[in-house]
C-alpha atoms as a PDB file:
ATOM      1  CA  MET A   1      12.899   1.439  18.483  1.00  0.00           C
ATOM      2  CA  SER A   2      16.054   1.781  20.531  1.00  0.00           C
ATOM      3  CA  TYR A   3      17.392   4.127  17.878  1.00  0.00           C
ATOM      4  CA  TYR A   4      15.334   6.873  19.518  1.00  0.00           C
ATOM      5  CA  GLY A   5      16.937   6.277  22.910  1.00  0.00           C
ATOM      6  CA  ALA A   6      20.435   6.826  21.526  1.00  0.00           C
ATOM      7  CA  HIS A   7      19.993  10.440  20.382  1.00  0.00           C
ATOM      8  CA  TRP A   8      19.685  13.456  22.652  1.00  0.00           C
ATOM      9  CA  GLN A   9      16.764  14.912  20.687  1.00  0.00           C
ATOM     10  CA  THR A  10      14.605  11.815  21.167  1.00  0.00           C
ATOM     11  CA  ALA A  11      15.996  10.186  24.327  1.00  0.00           C
ATOM     12  CA  LEU A  12      13.574  11.873  26.729  1.00  0.00           C
ATOM     13  CA  PRO A  13      10.365  11.076  24.774  1.00  0.00           C
ATOM     14  CA  TYR A  14      11.685   7.527  24.210  1.00  0.00           C
ATOM     15  CA  ALA A  15      12.390   7.020  27.912  1.00  0.00           C
ATOM     16  CA  ALA A  16       9.070   8.601  28.930  1.00  0.00           C
ATOM     17  CA  GLY A  17       7.157   6.424  26.460  1.00  0.00           C
ATOM     18  CA  LEU A  18       8.788   3.215  27.639  1.00  0.00           C
ATOM     19  CA  ALA A  19       8.454   4.171  31.308  1.00  0.00           C
ATOM     20  CA  GLY A  20       4.761   4.946  30.783  1.00  0.00           C
ATOM     21  CA  ALA A  21       4.230   1.631  29.000  1.00  0.00           C
ATOM     22  CA  ALA A  22       6.032  -0.175  31.800  1.00  0.00           C
ATOM     23  CA  LEU A  23       4.074   1.489  34.589  1.00  0.00           C
ATOM     24  CA  PHE A  24       0.624   1.197  33.008  1.00  0.00           C
ATOM     25  CA  THR A  25       1.176  -2.416  31.934  1.00  0.00           C
ATOM     26  CA  HIS A  26       2.525  -3.227  35.397  1.00  0.00           C
ATOM     27  CA  ARG A  27      -0.503  -1.660  37.044  1.00  0.00           C
ATOM     28  CA  ALA A  28      -2.984  -3.468  34.798  1.00  0.00           C
ATOM     29  CA  LEU A  29      -1.321  -6.845  35.328  1.00  0.00           C
ATOM     30  CA  ARG A  30      -0.947  -6.472  39.096  1.00  0.00           C
ATOM     31  CA  ASP A  31      -4.546  -5.236  39.449  1.00  0.00           C
ATOM     32  CA  ALA A  32      -5.803  -8.240  37.477  1.00  0.00           C
ATOM     33  CA  ALA A  33      -3.491 -10.802  39.103  1.00  0.00           C
ATOM     34  CA  ALA A  34      -5.737 -11.708  42.054  1.00  0.00           C
ATOM     35  CA  ARG A  35      -8.542 -12.682  39.673  1.00  0.00           C
ATOM     36  CA  THR A  36      -6.378 -14.986  37.496  1.00  0.00           C
ATOM     37  CA  PRO A  37      -5.551 -18.682  37.881  1.00  0.00           C
ATOM     38  CA  SER A  38      -1.954 -17.868  38.906  1.00  0.00           C
ATOM     39  CA  PRO A  39      -1.741 -14.528  40.761  1.00  0.00           C
ATOM     40  CA  ALA A  40       1.853 -14.869  41.995  1.00  0.00           C
ATOM     41  CA  HIS A  41       3.121 -15.790  38.543  1.00  0.00           C
ATOM     42  CA  LEU A  42       1.349 -12.849  36.905  1.00  0.00           C
ATOM     43  CA  ARG A  43       2.679 -10.433  39.530  1.00  0.00           C
ATOM     44  CA  TRP A  44       6.211 -11.768  38.936  1.00  0.00           C
ATOM     45  CA  MET A  45       5.793 -11.271  35.181  1.00  0.00           C
ATOM     46  CA  ALA A  46       4.539  -7.704  35.746  1.00  0.00           C
ATOM     47  CA  ASP A  47       7.558  -6.902  37.930  1.00  0.00           C
ATOM     48  CA  SER A  48       9.933  -8.498  35.423  1.00  0.00           C
ATOM     49  CA  PHE A  49       8.363  -6.472  32.614  1.00  0.00           C
ATOM     50  CA  VAL A  50       9.202  -3.224  34.433  1.00  0.00           C
ATOM     51  CA  ALA A  51      12.741  -4.350  35.274  1.00  0.00           C
ATOM     52  CA  LEU A  52      13.499  -5.367  31.689  1.00  0.00           C
ATOM     53  CA  LEU A  53      12.109  -2.152  30.207  1.00  0.00           C
ATOM     54  CA  ALA A  54      14.107  -0.105  32.715  1.00  0.00           C
ATOM     55  CA  GLY A  55      17.209  -2.034  31.706  1.00  0.00           C
ATOM     56  CA  ILE A  56      16.546  -1.302  28.046  1.00  0.00           C
ATOM     57  CA  ILE A  57      16.208   2.415  28.767  1.00  0.00           C
ATOM     58  CA  LEU A  58      19.462   2.433  30.759  1.00  0.00           C
ATOM     59  CA  THR A  59      21.552   0.609  28.126  1.00  0.00           C
ATOM     60  CA  PRO A  60      21.681   2.698  24.929  1.00  0.00           C
ATOM     61  CA  TYR A  61      23.236   0.458  22.293  1.00  0.00           C
ATOM     62  CA  THR A  62      25.557   3.235  21.072  1.00  0.00           C
ATOM     63  CA  LEU A  63      27.689   3.169  24.251  1.00  0.00           C
ATOM     64  CA  GLY A  64      29.865   0.315  23.029  1.00  0.00           C
ATOM     65  CA  GLY A  65      29.982  -3.410  22.446  1.00  0.00           C
ATOM     66  CA  MET A  66      29.213  -4.677  25.950  1.00  0.00           C
ATOM     67  CA  VAL A  67      26.363  -2.210  26.502  1.00  0.00           C
ATOM     68  CA  ASP A  68      24.990  -3.041  23.048  1.00  0.00           C
ATOM     69  CA  TRP A  69      24.946  -6.754  23.850  1.00  0.00           C
ATOM     70  CA  ALA A  70      23.371  -6.076  27.257  1.00  0.00           C
ATOM     71  CA  HIS A  71      20.707  -3.997  25.495  1.00  0.00           C
ATOM     72  CA  ARG A  72      20.043  -6.743  22.954  1.00  0.00           C
ATOM     73  CA  GLY A  73      19.918  -9.388  25.691  1.00  0.00           C
ATOM     74  CA  LEU A  74      17.445  -7.359  27.735  1.00  0.00           C
ATOM     75  CA  GLY A  75      15.369  -6.780  24.602  1.00  0.00           C
ATOM     76  CA  ALA A  76      15.335 -10.487  23.762  1.00  0.00           C
ATOM     77  CA  ALA A  77      14.378 -11.339  27.356  1.00  0.00           C
ATOM     78  CA  LEU A  78      11.575  -8.751  27.252  1.00  0.00           C
ATOM     79  CA  PHE A  79      10.238 -10.129  23.970  1.00  0.00           C
ATOM     80  CA  ALA A  80      10.329 -13.682  25.383  1.00  0.00           C
ATOM     81  CA  LEU A  81       8.527 -12.555  28.548  1.00  0.00           C
ATOM     82  CA  GLN A  82       5.873 -10.717  26.535  1.00  0.00           C
ATOM     83  CA  LEU A  83       5.340 -13.712  24.267  1.00  0.00           C
ATOM     84  CA  LEU A  84       5.020 -16.080  27.244  1.00  0.00           C
ATOM     85  CA  LEU A  85       2.679 -13.680  29.016  1.00  0.00           C
ATOM     86  CA  ALA A  86       0.501 -13.268  25.928  1.00  0.00           C
ATOM     87  CA  GLY A  87       0.388 -17.038  25.425  1.00  0.00           C
ATOM     88  CA  ARG A  88      -0.580 -17.560  29.060  1.00  0.00           C
ATOM     89  CA  LEU A  89      -3.368 -14.958  28.832  1.00  0.00           C
ATOM     90  CA  VAL A  90      -4.746 -16.467  25.610  1.00  0.00           C
ATOM     91  CA  ALA A  91      -4.698 -19.922  27.220  1.00  0.00           C
ATOM     92  CA  TRP A  92      -6.484 -18.591  30.319  1.00  0.00           C
ATOM     93  CA  ALA A  93      -9.043 -17.007  27.956  1.00  0.00           C
ATOM     94  CA  HIS A  94      -9.670 -20.534  26.598  1.00  0.00           C
ATOM     95  CA  GLY A  95      -8.161 -19.775  23.196  1.00  0.00           C
ATOM     96  CA  ASP A  96     -10.358 -16.773  22.452  1.00  0.00           C
ATOM     97  CA  ALA A  97     -10.263 -16.427  18.648  1.00  0.00           C
ATOM     98  CA  ALA A  98      -9.373 -12.719  18.626  1.00  0.00           C
ATOM     99  CA  GLY A  99      -6.731 -13.317  21.296  1.00  0.00           C
ATOM    100  CA  VAL A 100      -5.177 -16.053  19.151  1.00  0.00           C
ATOM    101  CA  VAL A 101      -5.109 -13.766  16.101  1.00  0.00           C
ATOM    102  CA  PHE A 102      -3.436 -11.006  18.132  1.00  0.00           C
ATOM    103  CA  LEU A 103      -0.929 -13.520  19.546  1.00  0.00           C
ATOM    104  CA  LEU A 104      -0.080 -14.643  15.998  1.00  0.00           C
ATOM    105  CA  LEU A 105       0.376 -10.986  14.988  1.00  0.00           C
ATOM    106  CA  GLN A 106       2.739 -10.567  17.937  1.00  0.00           C
ATOM    107  CA  LEU A 107       4.639 -13.730  17.004  1.00  0.00           C
ATOM    108  CA  GLY A 108       4.952 -12.613  13.368  1.00  0.00           C
ATOM    109  CA  GLY A 109       6.373  -9.276  14.472  1.00  0.00           C
ATOM    110  CA  GLY A 110       8.820 -11.082  16.754  1.00  0.00           C
ATOM    111  CA  VAL A 111      10.038 -13.299  13.919  1.00  0.00           C
ATOM    112  CA  LEU A 112      10.484 -10.259  11.669  1.00  0.00           C
ATOM    113  CA  ALA A 113      12.415  -8.414  14.400  1.00  0.00           C
ATOM    114  CA  ALA A 114      14.591 -11.471  15.085  1.00  0.00           C
ATOM    115  CA  VAL A 115      15.532 -11.730  11.406  1.00  0.00           C
ATOM    116  CA  TYR A 116      16.719  -8.119  11.312  1.00  0.00           C
ATOM    117  CA  VAL A 117      18.094  -7.545  14.836  1.00  0.00           C
ATOM    118  CA  LEU A 118      21.724  -8.234  13.897  1.00  0.00           C
ATOM    119  CA  GLN A 119      21.629  -6.508  10.512  1.00  0.00           C
ATOM    120  CA  ALA A 120      22.607  -2.889  10.003  1.00  0.00           C
ATOM    121  CA  GLU A 121      19.526  -2.152   7.870  1.00  0.00           C
ATOM    122  CA  GLY A 122      16.164  -3.724   7.373  1.00  0.00           C
ATOM    123  CA  LEU A 123      12.743  -4.078   8.914  1.00  0.00           C
ATOM    124  CA  LEU A 124      13.718  -4.247  12.596  1.00  0.00           C
ATOM    125  CA  ILE A 125      11.543  -1.321  13.720  1.00  0.00           C
ATOM    126  CA  HIS A 126       8.616  -2.688  11.709  1.00  0.00           C
ATOM    127  CA  GLY A 127       8.938  -6.050  13.434  1.00  0.00           C
ATOM    128  CA  GLU A 128       9.263  -4.429  16.852  1.00  0.00           C
ATOM    129  CA  ALA A 129       6.223  -2.211  16.264  1.00  0.00           C
ATOM    130  CA  THR A 130       4.152  -5.160  15.006  1.00  0.00           C
ATOM    131  CA  PHE A 131       5.220  -7.258  17.986  1.00  0.00           C
ATOM    132  CA  GLN A 132       4.295  -4.521  20.473  1.00  0.00           C
ATOM    133  CA  LEU A 133       0.977  -3.871  18.730  1.00  0.00           C
ATOM    134  CA  GLY A 134       0.141  -7.579  18.935  1.00  0.00           C
ATOM    135  CA  PHE A 135       1.098  -7.646  22.621  1.00  0.00           C
ATOM    136  CA  ALA A 136      -1.048  -4.596  23.403  1.00  0.00           C
ATOM    137  CA  LEU A 137      -4.009  -6.113  21.560  1.00  0.00           C
ATOM    138  CA  VAL A 138      -3.623  -9.425  23.416  1.00  0.00           C
ATOM    139  CA  LEU A 139      -3.622  -7.566  26.749  1.00  0.00           C
ATOM    140  CA  ALA A 140      -6.606  -5.420  25.812  1.00  0.00           C
ATOM    141  CA  ARG A 141      -8.578  -8.422  24.588  1.00  0.00           C
ATOM    142  CA  THR A 142      -7.739 -11.109  27.118  1.00  0.00           C
ATOM    143  CA  LEU A 143      -7.338  -9.316  30.462  1.00  0.00           C
ATOM    144  CA  PRO A 144     -11.067  -8.432  30.673  1.00  0.00           C
ATOM    145  CA  LEU A 145     -11.926 -12.042  29.752  1.00  0.00           C
ATOM    146  CA  VAL A 146      -9.520 -13.625  32.237  1.00  0.00           C
ATOM    147  CA  ALA A 147      -9.927 -11.152  35.084  1.00  0.00           C
ATOM    148  CA  PRO A 148     -13.145  -9.171  34.663  1.00  0.00           C
ATOM    149  CA  PRO A 149     -13.026  -5.792  36.411  1.00  0.00           C
ATOM    150  CA  ILE A 150     -14.584  -5.647  39.836  1.00  0.00           C
ATOM    151  CA  ALA A 151     -17.827  -3.696  39.652  1.00  0.00           C
ATOM    152  CA  ALA A 152     -17.920  -0.585  41.787  1.00  0.00           C
ATOM    153  CA  PRO A 153     -20.772  -0.427  44.282  1.00  0.00           C
ATOM    154  CA  PRO A 154     -23.661   1.745  43.125  1.00  0.00           C
ATOM    155  CA  ILE A 155     -23.613   5.330  44.313  1.00  0.00           C
ATOM    156  CA  ALA A 156     -26.505   5.971  46.670  1.00  0.00           C
ATOM    157  CA  ALA A 157     -28.629   9.060  46.216  1.00  0.00           C
ATOM    158  CA  PRO A 158     -28.241  11.597  49.035  1.00  0.00           C
ATOM    159  CA  SER A 159     -30.808  11.166  51.757  1.00  0.00           C
ATOM    160  CA  ALA A 160     -32.968  13.986  53.110  1.00  0.00           C
ATOM    161  CA  ALA A 161     -31.396  13.427  56.556  1.00  0.00           C
ATOM    162  CA  ALA A 162     -27.930  14.082  55.101  1.00  0.00           C
ATOM    163  CA  GLY A 163     -29.025  17.367  53.593  1.00  0.00           C
ATOM    164  CA  GLY A 164     -29.778  15.974  50.164  1.00  0.00           C
ATOM    165  CA  VAL A 165     -32.923  16.733  48.266  1.00  0.00           C
ATOM    166  CA  PRO A 166     -35.132  13.671  47.759  1.00  0.00           C
ATOM    167  CA  GLY A 167     -36.546  13.056  44.307  1.00  0.00           C
ATOM    168  CA  PRO A 168     -36.237  15.151  41.178  1.00  0.00           C
ATOM    169  CA  VAL A 169     -35.126  18.740  41.551  1.00  0.00           C
ATOM    170  CA  ALA A 170     -36.009  21.566  39.224  1.00  0.00           C
ATOM    171  CA  GLY A 171     -32.902  22.747  37.436  1.00  0.00           C
ATOM    172  CA  GLY A 172     -30.945  19.506  37.297  1.00  0.00           C
ATOM    173  CA  VAL A 173     -29.703  16.439  39.083  1.00  0.00           C
ATOM    174  CA  PRO A 174     -29.697  16.453  42.915  1.00  0.00           C
ATOM    175  CA  GLY A 175     -26.335  17.691  44.136  1.00  0.00           C
ATOM    176  CA  SER A 176     -25.369  19.329  40.831  1.00  0.00           C
ATOM    177  CA  ALA A 177     -24.458  22.971  40.454  1.00  0.00           C
ATOM    178  CA  ALA A 178     -27.674  23.638  38.528  1.00  0.00           C
ATOM    179  CA  ALA A 179     -29.760  22.103  41.309  1.00  0.00           C
ATOM    180  CA  ALA A 180     -27.910  24.130  43.943  1.00  0.00           C
ATOM    181  CA  SER A 181     -28.472  27.387  42.089  1.00  0.00           C
ATOM    182  CA  ALA A 182     -32.184  26.554  41.632  1.00  0.00           C
ATOM    183  CA  ARG A 183     -32.612  26.297  45.421  1.00  0.00           C
END
């Protein structure tokens, strides 16, 4: 996918897409960390994920040999981190069947990408896309199993003492615009 970061026409959407993925994944992992068996480790992985993606954005492979190898090294490190993270989440989810299937999809995409990463042509982008899809599916499936969201406290109805209208109101729900216009 790095091809899109090396051309002026696509560099901004590429960078924005990767930055968005980094920030949202980071937020989800850090928010869930306290409810997992290893909070510090998960927070470290979330921070590393952002650092590696930032490094990938900042090293377009077309800038020369050393930058290309730095880009490839960062990409390989990111893939390894994502695979370890996905494996850890599936293990914490006690081998959830769907999580395992998504992890295998991710692994298959990684193998395909690894076969084509040093070749000029081939199925590299297909492997990368499959790998990232598998990773996203593992996160979406296992994070709620491993670290269920904290339920928000119920919203209390306004009391009559606070200026609210007790009970049903003609014209809508208490506090709504329709209820206010009916008064």
